[in-house]
Amino acid sequence: MRKNMDVYATAGLILITLIINVIAYPHLPDKVGIHMQSGEIDSYLSKAGFVALLPGIQIIASVITKLTRKSTVTLILLNVIALGLDAFLIFKNI
């Protein structure tokens, strides 16, 4: 059980990100800002694309991190940072 704890933690963080995005979906504008420069949003993505973007990046990055045998701390930290970025983007767009 302890051996796979990093996998469970990673899956949980990805699931939390996806749930937050689904809950925020009705409140997001049709075009969600995903990049800012000088305090102004300069890149946009559709709502549906945004909901899948960060969880998708988390999955790909987690698989790469796991395959390259990086530490569990790296794997968890990567997903916590992605979750924080997701929350920040939702906050800036609502």
PDB file of N, CA and C in Angstrom:
ATOM      1  N   MET A   1       0.829  -1.196   0.000  1.00  0.00           N
ATOM      2  CA  MET A   1       0.000   0.000   0.000  1.00  0.00           C
ATOM      3  C   MET A   1       0.869   1.254   0.000  1.00  0.00           C
ATOM      4  N   ARG A   2       1.836   1.325   0.887  1.00  0.00           N
ATOM      5  CA  ARG A   2       2.693   2.501   0.984  1.00  0.00           C
ATOM      6  C   ARG A   2       3.500   2.700  -0.304  1.00  0.00           C
ATOM      7  N   LYS A   3       3.814   1.611  -0.970  1.00  0.00           N
ATOM      8  CA  LYS A   3       4.608   1.670  -2.192  1.00  0.00           C
ATOM      9  C   LYS A   3       3.928   2.519  -3.279  1.00  0.00           C
ATOM     10  N   ASN A   4       2.614   2.461  -3.351  1.00  0.00           N
ATOM     11  CA  ASN A   4       1.874   3.187  -4.389  1.00  0.00           C
ATOM     12  C   ASN A   4       1.248   4.488  -3.888  1.00  0.00           C
ATOM     13  N   MET A   5       1.652   4.941  -2.723  1.00  0.00           N
ATOM     14  CA  MET A   5       1.054   6.139  -2.138  1.00  0.00           C
ATOM     15  C   MET A   5       1.246   7.362  -3.043  1.00  0.00           C
ATOM     16  N   ASP A   6       2.381   7.476  -3.709  1.00  0.00           N
ATOM     17  CA  ASP A   6       2.600   8.610  -4.601  1.00  0.00           C
ATOM     18  C   ASP A   6       1.638   8.586  -5.789  1.00  0.00           C
ATOM     19  N   VAL A   7       1.318   7.405  -6.274  1.00  0.00           N
ATOM     20  CA  VAL A   7       0.376   7.284  -7.386  1.00  0.00           C
ATOM     21  C   VAL A   7      -1.020   7.717  -6.935  1.00  0.00           C
ATOM     22  N   TYR A   8      -1.436   7.288  -5.749  1.00  0.00           N
ATOM     23  CA  TYR A   8      -2.746   7.677  -5.228  1.00  0.00           C
ATOM     24  C   TYR A   8      -2.815   9.185  -4.972  1.00  0.00           C
ATOM     25  N   ALA A   9      -1.764   9.743  -4.412  1.00  0.00           N
ATOM     26  CA  ALA A   9      -1.732  11.181  -4.138  1.00  0.00           C
ATOM     27  C   ALA A   9      -1.792  11.972  -5.445  1.00  0.00           C
ATOM     28  N   THR A  10      -1.041  11.527  -6.442  1.00  0.00           N
ATOM     29  CA  THR A  10      -1.038  12.198  -7.742  1.00  0.00           C
ATOM     30  C   THR A  10      -2.410  12.119  -8.394  1.00  0.00           C
ATOM     31  N   ALA A  11      -3.003  10.943  -8.392  1.00  0.00           N
ATOM     32  CA  ALA A  11      -4.336  10.778  -8.980  1.00  0.00           C
ATOM     33  C   ALA A  11      -5.353  11.653  -8.245  1.00  0.00           C
ATOM     34  N   GLY A  12      -5.229  11.740  -6.928  1.00  0.00           N
ATOM     35  CA  GLY A  12      -6.134  12.585  -6.145  1.00  0.00           C
ATOM     36  C   GLY A  12      -5.999  14.051  -6.499  1.00  0.00           C
ATOM     37  N   LEU A  13      -4.767  14.529  -6.668  1.00  0.00           N
ATOM     38  CA  LEU A  13      -4.548  15.940  -7.023  1.00  0.00           C
ATOM     39  C   LEU A  13      -5.087  16.244  -8.424  1.00  0.00           C
ATOM     40  N   ILE A  14      -4.899  15.318  -9.346  1.00  0.00           N
ATOM     41  CA  ILE A  14      -5.425  15.512 -10.704  1.00  0.00           C
ATOM     42  C   ILE A  14      -6.950  15.518 -10.667  1.00  0.00           C
ATOM     43  N   LEU A  15      -7.534  14.625  -9.899  1.00  0.00           N
ATOM     44  CA  LEU A  15      -8.988  14.563  -9.771  1.00  0.00           C
ATOM     45  C   LEU A  15      -9.539  15.841  -9.129  1.00  0.00           C
ATOM     46  N   ILE A  16      -8.860  16.356  -8.120  1.00  0.00           N
ATOM     47  CA  ILE A  16      -9.281  17.618  -7.486  1.00  0.00           C
ATOM     48  C   ILE A  16      -9.253  18.757  -8.500  1.00  0.00           C
ATOM     49  N   THR A  17      -8.205  18.823  -9.309  1.00  0.00           N
ATOM     50  CA  THR A  17      -8.111  19.859 -10.347  1.00  0.00           C
ATOM     51  C   THR A  17      -9.276  19.755 -11.315  1.00  0.00           C
ATOM     52  N   LEU A  18      -9.576  18.538 -11.744  1.00  0.00           N
ATOM     53  CA  LEU A  18     -10.677  18.331 -12.691  1.00  0.00           C
ATOM     54  C   LEU A  18     -12.022  18.698 -12.063  1.00  0.00           C
ATOM     55  N   ILE A  19     -12.243  18.318 -10.826  1.00  0.00           N
ATOM     56  CA  ILE A  19     -13.501  18.641 -10.142  1.00  0.00           C
ATOM     57  C   ILE A  19     -13.666  20.150  -9.989  1.00  0.00           C
ATOM     58  N   ILE A  20     -12.592  20.834  -9.607  1.00  0.00           N
ATOM     59  CA  ILE A  20     -12.647  22.295  -9.479  1.00  0.00           C
ATOM     60  C   ILE A  20     -13.008  22.924 -10.820  1.00  0.00           C
ATOM     61  N   ASN A  21     -12.407  22.430 -11.901  1.00  0.00           N
ATOM     62  CA  ASN A  21     -12.699  22.979 -13.230  1.00  0.00           C
ATOM     63  C   ASN A  21     -14.144  22.739 -13.643  1.00  0.00           C
ATOM     64  N   VAL A  22     -14.668  21.562 -13.353  1.00  0.00           N
ATOM     65  CA  VAL A  22     -16.059  21.252 -13.699  1.00  0.00           C
ATOM     66  C   VAL A  22     -17.017  22.135 -12.894  1.00  0.00           C
ATOM     67  N   ILE A  23     -16.718  22.343 -11.619  1.00  0.00           N
ATOM     68  CA  ILE A  23     -17.559  23.215 -10.784  1.00  0.00           C
ATOM     69  C   ILE A  23     -17.502  24.661 -11.281  1.00  0.00           C
ATOM     70  N   ALA A  24     -16.322  25.107 -11.699  1.00  0.00           N
ATOM     71  CA  ALA A  24     -16.154  26.495 -12.160  1.00  0.00           C
ATOM     72  C   ALA A  24     -16.699  26.710 -13.570  1.00  0.00           C
ATOM     73  N   TYR A  25     -16.878  25.655 -14.332  1.00  0.00           N
ATOM     74  CA  TYR A  25     -17.270  25.754 -15.743  1.00  0.00           C
ATOM     75  C   TYR A  25     -18.440  26.707 -16.009  1.00  0.00           C
ATOM     76  N   PRO A  26     -19.564  26.584 -15.305  1.00  0.00           N
ATOM     77  CA  PRO A  26     -20.687  27.483 -15.619  1.00  0.00           C
ATOM     78  C   PRO A  26     -20.405  28.955 -15.322  1.00  0.00           C
ATOM     79  N   HIS A  27     -19.415  29.219 -14.491  1.00  0.00           N
ATOM     80  CA  HIS A  27     -19.114  30.597 -14.094  1.00  0.00           C
ATOM     81  C   HIS A  27     -18.017  31.238 -14.956  1.00  0.00           C
ATOM     82  N   LEU A  28     -17.368  30.451 -15.783  1.00  0.00           N
ATOM     83  CA  LEU A  28     -16.275  30.963 -16.616  1.00  0.00           C
ATOM     84  C   LEU A  28     -16.826  31.662 -17.853  1.00  0.00           C
ATOM     85  N   PRO A  29     -16.098  32.657 -18.364  1.00  0.00           N
ATOM     86  CA  PRO A  29     -16.509  33.286 -19.623  1.00  0.00           C
ATOM     87  C   PRO A  29     -16.295  32.310 -20.785  1.00  0.00           C
ATOM     88  N   ASP A  30     -16.874  32.608 -21.942  1.00  0.00           N
ATOM     89  CA  ASP A  30     -16.728  31.724 -23.105  1.00  0.00           C
ATOM     90  C   ASP A  30     -15.266  31.565 -23.517  1.00  0.00           C
ATOM     91  N   LYS A  31     -14.503  32.643 -23.407  1.00  0.00           N
ATOM     92  CA  LYS A  31     -13.063  32.604 -23.689  1.00  0.00           C
ATOM     93  C   LYS A  31     -12.316  32.835 -22.381  1.00  0.00           C
ATOM     94  N   VAL A  32     -11.557  31.828 -21.952  1.00  0.00           N
ATOM     95  CA  VAL A  32     -10.840  31.881 -20.677  1.00  0.00           C
ATOM     96  C   VAL A  32      -9.408  32.326 -20.929  1.00  0.00           C
ATOM     97  N   GLY A  33      -8.974  33.360 -20.214  1.00  0.00           N
ATOM     98  CA  GLY A  33      -7.600  33.840 -20.337  1.00  0.00           C
ATOM     99  C   GLY A  33      -6.637  32.854 -19.701  1.00  0.00           C
ATOM    100  N   ILE A  34      -5.575  32.490 -20.444  1.00  0.00           N
ATOM    101  CA  ILE A  34      -4.613  31.525 -19.906  1.00  0.00           C
ATOM    102  C   ILE A  34      -3.191  32.080 -19.814  1.00  0.00           C
ATOM    103  N   HIS A  35      -2.966  33.286 -20.313  1.00  0.00           N
ATOM    104  CA  HIS A  35      -1.624  33.888 -20.227  1.00  0.00           C
ATOM    105  C   HIS A  35      -1.765  35.373 -19.995  1.00  0.00           C
ATOM    106  N   MET A  36      -0.909  35.909 -19.126  1.00  0.00           N
ATOM    107  CA  MET A  36      -0.935  37.336 -18.834  1.00  0.00           C
ATOM    108  C   MET A  36       0.432  37.951 -19.091  1.00  0.00           C
ATOM    109  N   GLN A  37       0.413  39.172 -19.604  1.00  0.00           N
ATOM    110  CA  GLN A  37       1.641  39.935 -19.774  1.00  0.00           C
ATOM    111  C   GLN A  37       1.347  41.357 -19.321  1.00  0.00           C
ATOM    112  N   SER A  38       2.151  41.872 -18.425  1.00  0.00           N
ATOM    113  CA  SER A  38       1.976  43.214 -17.870  1.00  0.00           C
ATOM    114  C   SER A  38       0.591  43.398 -17.262  1.00  0.00           C
ATOM    115  N   GLY A  39       0.056  42.357 -16.649  1.00  0.00           N
ATOM    116  CA  GLY A  39      -1.241  42.436 -15.999  1.00  0.00           C
ATOM    117  C   GLY A  39      -2.431  42.303 -16.924  1.00  0.00           C
ATOM    118  N   GLU A  40      -2.193  42.163 -18.208  1.00  0.00           N
ATOM    119  CA  GLU A  40      -3.272  42.032 -19.186  1.00  0.00           C
ATOM    120  C   GLU A  40      -3.277  40.622 -19.766  1.00  0.00           C
ATOM    121  N   ILE A  41      -4.467  40.035 -19.886  1.00  0.00           N
ATOM    122  CA  ILE A  41      -4.589  38.708 -20.488  1.00  0.00           C
ATOM    123  C   ILE A  41      -4.388  38.846 -21.988  1.00  0.00           C
ATOM    124  N   ASP A  42      -3.478  38.007 -22.546  1.00  0.00           N
ATOM    125  CA  ASP A  42      -3.200  38.101 -23.976  1.00  0.00           C
ATOM    126  C   ASP A  42      -3.354  36.774 -24.732  1.00  0.00           C
ATOM    127  N   SER A  43      -3.740  35.698 -24.051  1.00  0.00           N
ATOM    128  CA  SER A  43      -4.023  34.425 -24.715  1.00  0.00           C
ATOM    129  C   SER A  43      -5.289  33.829 -24.118  1.00  0.00           C
ATOM    130  N   TYR A  44      -6.122  33.312 -24.982  1.00  0.00           N
ATOM    131  CA  TYR A  44      -7.408  32.778 -24.547  1.00  0.00           C
ATOM    132  C   TYR A  44      -7.593  31.344 -25.033  1.00  0.00           C
ATOM    133  N   LEU A  45      -8.491  30.630 -24.354  1.00  0.00           N
ATOM    134  CA  LEU A  45      -8.835  29.254 -24.685  1.00  0.00           C
ATOM    135  C   LEU A  45     -10.333  29.091 -24.430  1.00  0.00           C
ATOM    136  N   SER A  46     -10.971  28.188 -25.158  1.00  0.00           N
ATOM    137  CA  SER A  46     -12.398  27.944 -24.913  1.00  0.00           C
ATOM    138  C   SER A  46     -12.593  27.348 -23.517  1.00  0.00           C
ATOM    139  N   LYS A  47     -13.813  27.460 -22.999  1.00  0.00           N
ATOM    140  CA  LYS A  47     -14.103  26.909 -21.668  1.00  0.00           C
ATOM    141  C   LYS A  47     -13.804  25.417 -21.610  1.00  0.00           C
ATOM    142  N   ALA A  48     -14.260  24.677 -22.612  1.00  0.00           N
ATOM    143  CA  ALA A  48     -14.052  23.222 -22.619  1.00  0.00           C
ATOM    144  C   ALA A  48     -12.563  22.885 -22.682  1.00  0.00           C
ATOM    145  N   GLY A  49     -11.824  23.628 -23.471  1.00  0.00           N
ATOM    146  CA  GLY A  49     -10.383  23.411 -23.557  1.00  0.00           C
ATOM    147  C   GLY A  49      -9.688  23.690 -22.239  1.00  0.00           C
ATOM    148  N   PHE A  50     -10.149  24.728 -21.553  1.00  0.00           N
ATOM    149  CA  PHE A  50      -9.559  25.072 -20.265  1.00  0.00           C
ATOM    150  C   PHE A  50      -9.798  23.980 -19.226  1.00  0.00           C
ATOM    151  N   VAL A  51     -11.014  23.431 -19.206  1.00  0.00           N
ATOM    152  CA  VAL A  51     -11.348  22.390 -18.230  1.00  0.00           C
ATOM    153  C   VAL A  51     -10.410  21.196 -18.367  1.00  0.00           C
ATOM    154  N   ALA A  52     -10.004  20.879 -19.588  1.00  0.00           N
ATOM    155  CA  ALA A  52      -9.140  19.715 -19.824  1.00  0.00           C
ATOM    156  C   ALA A  52      -7.648  20.052 -19.818  1.00  0.00           C
ATOM    157  N   LEU A  53      -7.298  21.325 -19.964  1.00  0.00           N
ATOM    158  CA  LEU A  53      -5.897  21.711 -20.142  1.00  0.00           C
ATOM    159  C   LEU A  53      -4.988  21.291 -18.989  1.00  0.00           C
ATOM    160  N   LEU A  54      -5.205  21.815 -17.803  1.00  0.00           N
ATOM    161  CA  LEU A  54      -4.292  21.523 -16.699  1.00  0.00           C
ATOM    162  C   LEU A  54      -4.348  20.074 -16.222  1.00  0.00           C
ATOM    163  N   PRO A  55      -5.526  19.454 -16.130  1.00  0.00           N
ATOM    164  CA  PRO A  55      -5.491  18.026 -15.790  1.00  0.00           C
ATOM    165  C   PRO A  55      -4.717  17.203 -16.826  1.00  0.00           C
ATOM    166  N   GLY A  56      -4.848  17.567 -18.095  1.00  0.00           N
ATOM    167  CA  GLY A  56      -4.088  16.882 -19.145  1.00  0.00           C
ATOM    168  C   GLY A  56      -2.592  17.082 -18.992  1.00  0.00           C
ATOM    169  N   ILE A  57      -2.195  18.316 -18.703  1.00  0.00           N
ATOM    170  CA  ILE A  57      -0.776  18.600 -18.474  1.00  0.00           C
ATOM    171  C   ILE A  57      -0.283  17.848 -17.242  1.00  0.00           C
ATOM    172  N   GLN A  58      -1.104  17.796 -16.197  1.00  0.00           N
ATOM    173  CA  GLN A  58      -0.726  17.065 -14.986  1.00  0.00           C
ATOM    174  C   GLN A  58      -0.504  15.581 -15.293  1.00  0.00           C
ATOM    175  N   ILE A  59      -1.385  14.988 -16.074  1.00  0.00           N
ATOM    176  CA  ILE A  59      -1.245  13.566 -16.405  1.00  0.00           C
ATOM    177  C   ILE A  59       0.036  13.317 -17.183  1.00  0.00           C
ATOM    178  N   ILE A  60       0.279  14.104 -18.219  1.00  0.00           N
ATOM    179  CA  ILE A  60       1.482  13.929 -19.042  1.00  0.00           C
ATOM    180  C   ILE A  60       2.745  14.146 -18.216  1.00  0.00           C
ATOM    181  N   ALA A  61       2.781  15.225 -17.443  1.00  0.00           N
ATOM    182  CA  ALA A  61       3.966  15.524 -16.630  1.00  0.00           C
ATOM    183  C   ALA A  61       4.184  14.461 -15.560  1.00  0.00           C
ATOM    184  N   SER A  62       3.098  13.934 -14.987  1.00  0.00           N
ATOM    185  CA  SER A  62       3.230  12.899 -13.956  1.00  0.00           C
ATOM    186  C   SER A  62       3.781  11.606 -14.534  1.00  0.00           C
ATOM    187  N   VAL A  63       3.320  11.241 -15.718  1.00  0.00           N
ATOM    188  CA  VAL A  63       3.835  10.026 -16.366  1.00  0.00           C
ATOM    189  C   VAL A  63       5.313  10.188 -16.680  1.00  0.00           C
ATOM    190  N   ILE A  64       5.692  11.328 -17.222  1.00  0.00           N
ATOM    191  CA  ILE A  64       7.111  11.574 -17.534  1.00  0.00           C
ATOM    192  C   ILE A  64       7.950  11.558 -16.257  1.00  0.00           C
ATOM    193  N   THR A  65       7.458  12.207 -15.214  1.00  0.00           N
ATOM    194  CA  THR A  65       8.178  12.240 -13.941  1.00  0.00           C
ATOM    195  C   THR A  65       8.340  10.836 -13.370  1.00  0.00           C
ATOM    196  N   LYS A  66       7.297  10.038 -13.449  1.00  0.00           N
ATOM    197  CA  LYS A  66       7.336   8.671 -12.929  1.00  0.00           C
ATOM    198  C   LYS A  66       8.284   7.801 -13.763  1.00  0.00           C
ATOM    199  N   LEU A  67       8.232   7.952 -15.091  1.00  0.00           N
ATOM    200  CA  LEU A  67       9.087   7.147 -15.967  1.00  0.00           C
ATOM    201  C   LEU A  67      10.574   7.481 -15.814  1.00  0.00           C
ATOM    202  N   THR A  68      10.872   8.722 -15.500  1.00  0.00           N
ATOM    203  CA  THR A  68      12.272   9.122 -15.324  1.00  0.00           C
ATOM    204  C   THR A  68      12.749   8.898 -13.897  1.00  0.00           C
ATOM    205  N   ARG A  69      11.877   8.291 -13.089  1.00  0.00           N
ATOM    206  CA  ARG A  69      12.212   7.897 -11.718  1.00  0.00           C
ATOM    207  C   ARG A  69      12.632   9.071 -10.829  1.00  0.00           C
ATOM    208  N   LYS A  70      11.964  10.194 -11.024  1.00  0.00           N
ATOM    209  CA  LYS A  70      12.189  11.340 -10.137  1.00  0.00           C
ATOM    210  C   LYS A  70      11.577  11.033  -8.774  1.00  0.00           C
ATOM    211  N   SER A  71      11.931  11.825  -7.785  1.00  0.00           N
ATOM    212  CA  SER A  71      11.462  11.565  -6.422  1.00  0.00           C
ATOM    213  C   SER A  71       9.962  11.794  -6.287  1.00  0.00           C
ATOM    214  N   THR A  72       9.400  11.186  -5.262  1.00  0.00           N
ATOM    215  CA  THR A  72       7.978  11.357  -4.948  1.00  0.00           C
ATOM    216  C   THR A  72       7.678  12.816  -4.647  1.00  0.00           C
ATOM    217  N   VAL A  73       8.599  13.492  -3.994  1.00  0.00           N
ATOM    218  CA  VAL A  73       8.409  14.910  -3.670  1.00  0.00           C
ATOM    219  C   VAL A  73       8.240  15.715  -4.957  1.00  0.00           C
ATOM    220  N   THR A  74       9.045  15.429  -5.961  1.00  0.00           N
ATOM    221  CA  THR A  74       8.950  16.127  -7.248  1.00  0.00           C
ATOM    222  C   THR A  74       7.586  15.898  -7.881  1.00  0.00           C
ATOM    223  N   LEU A  75       7.129  14.667  -7.842  1.00  0.00           N
ATOM    224  CA  LEU A  75       5.849  14.305  -8.433  1.00  0.00           C
ATOM    225  C   LEU A  75       4.699  15.033  -7.748  1.00  0.00           C
ATOM    226  N   ILE A  76       4.687  15.026  -6.431  1.00  0.00           N
ATOM    227  CA  ILE A  76       3.615  15.681  -5.679  1.00  0.00           C
ATOM    228  C   ILE A  76       3.692  17.195  -5.841  1.00  0.00           C
ATOM    229  N   LEU A  77       4.889  17.759  -5.747  1.00  0.00           N
ATOM    230  CA  LEU A  77       5.071  19.201  -5.884  1.00  0.00           C
ATOM    231  C   LEU A  77       4.607  19.695  -7.249  1.00  0.00           C
ATOM    232  N   LEU A  78       4.922  18.965  -8.285  1.00  0.00           N
ATOM    233  CA  LEU A  78       4.493  19.301  -9.637  1.00  0.00           C
ATOM    234  C   LEU A  78       2.980  19.436  -9.709  1.00  0.00           C
ATOM    235  N   ASN A  79       2.272  18.501  -9.112  1.00  0.00           N
ATOM    236  CA  ASN A  79       0.812  18.518  -9.165  1.00  0.00           C
ATOM    237  C   ASN A  79       0.202  19.563  -8.247  1.00  0.00           C
ATOM    238  N   VAL A  80       0.832  19.855  -7.125  1.00  0.00           N
ATOM    239  CA  VAL A  80       0.346  20.915  -6.240  1.00  0.00           C
ATOM    240  C   VAL A  80       0.504  22.275  -6.936  1.00  0.00           C
ATOM    241  N   ILE A  81       1.617  22.487  -7.611  1.00  0.00           N
ATOM    242  CA  ILE A  81       1.829  23.743  -8.342  1.00  0.00           C
ATOM    243  C   ILE A  81       0.803  23.882  -9.468  1.00  0.00           C
ATOM    244  N   ALA A  82       0.534  22.798 -10.190  1.00  0.00           N
ATOM    245  CA  ALA A  82      -0.469  22.845 -11.263  1.00  0.00           C
ATOM    246  C   ALA A  82      -1.850  23.153 -10.707  1.00  0.00           C
ATOM    247  N   LEU A  83      -2.184  22.577  -9.571  1.00  0.00           N
ATOM    248  CA  LEU A  83      -3.472  22.856  -8.925  1.00  0.00           C
ATOM    249  C   LEU A  83      -3.562  24.328  -8.522  1.00  0.00           C
ATOM    250  N   GLY A  84      -2.486  24.872  -7.980  1.00  0.00           N
ATOM    251  CA  GLY A  84      -2.454  26.291  -7.621  1.00  0.00           C
ATOM    252  C   GLY A  84      -2.596  27.194  -8.828  1.00  0.00           C
ATOM    253  N   LEU A  85      -1.921  26.843  -9.923  1.00  0.00           N
ATOM    254  CA  LEU A  85      -2.028  27.616 -11.159  1.00  0.00           C
ATOM    255  C   LEU A  85      -3.456  27.582 -11.688  1.00  0.00           C
ATOM    256  N   ASP A  86      -4.068  26.421 -11.628  1.00  0.00           N
ATOM    257  CA  ASP A  86      -5.445  26.277 -12.072  1.00  0.00           C
ATOM    258  C   ASP A  86      -6.379  27.179 -11.265  1.00  0.00           C
ATOM    259  N   ALA A  87      -6.235  27.143  -9.942  1.00  0.00           N
ATOM    260  CA  ALA A  87      -7.066  27.979  -9.074  1.00  0.00           C
ATOM    261  C   ALA A  87      -6.843  29.462  -9.378  1.00  0.00           C
ATOM    262  N   PHE A  88      -5.586  29.859  -9.614  1.00  0.00           N
ATOM    263  CA  PHE A  88      -5.273  31.251  -9.928  1.00  0.00           C
ATOM    264  C   PHE A  88      -5.963  31.671 -11.243  1.00  0.00           C
ATOM    265  N   LEU A  89      -5.888  30.830 -12.272  1.00  0.00           N
ATOM    266  CA  LEU A  89      -6.493  31.155 -13.555  1.00  0.00           C
ATOM    267  C   LEU A  89      -8.021  31.266 -13.440  1.00  0.00           C
ATOM    268  N   ILE A  90      -8.612  30.378 -12.659  1.00  0.00           N
ATOM    269  CA  ILE A  90     -10.066  30.464 -12.468  1.00  0.00           C
ATOM    270  C   ILE A  90     -10.403  31.775 -11.749  1.00  0.00           C
ATOM    271  N   PHE A  91      -9.665  32.096 -10.716  1.00  0.00           N
ATOM    272  CA  PHE A  91      -9.898  33.331  -9.954  1.00  0.00           C
ATOM    273  C   PHE A  91      -9.787  34.561 -10.856  1.00  0.00           C
ATOM    274  N   LYS A  92      -8.807  34.598 -11.729  1.00  0.00           N
ATOM    275  CA  LYS A  92      -8.605  35.757 -12.605  1.00  0.00           C
ATOM    276  C   LYS A  92      -9.694  35.872 -13.677  1.00  0.00           C
ATOM    277  N   ASN A  93     -10.353  34.766 -13.988  1.00  0.00           N
ATOM    278  CA  ASN A  93     -11.349  34.774 -15.062  1.00  0.00           C
ATOM    279  C   ASN A  93     -12.788  34.886 -14.585  1.00  0.00           C
ATOM    280  N   ILE A  94     -13.017  34.691 -13.311  1.00  0.00           N
ATOM    281  CA  ILE A  94     -14.408  34.776 -12.816  1.00  0.00           C
ATOM    282  C   ILE A  94     -14.705  36.191 -12.377  1.00  0.00           C
TER     283      ILE A  94
END
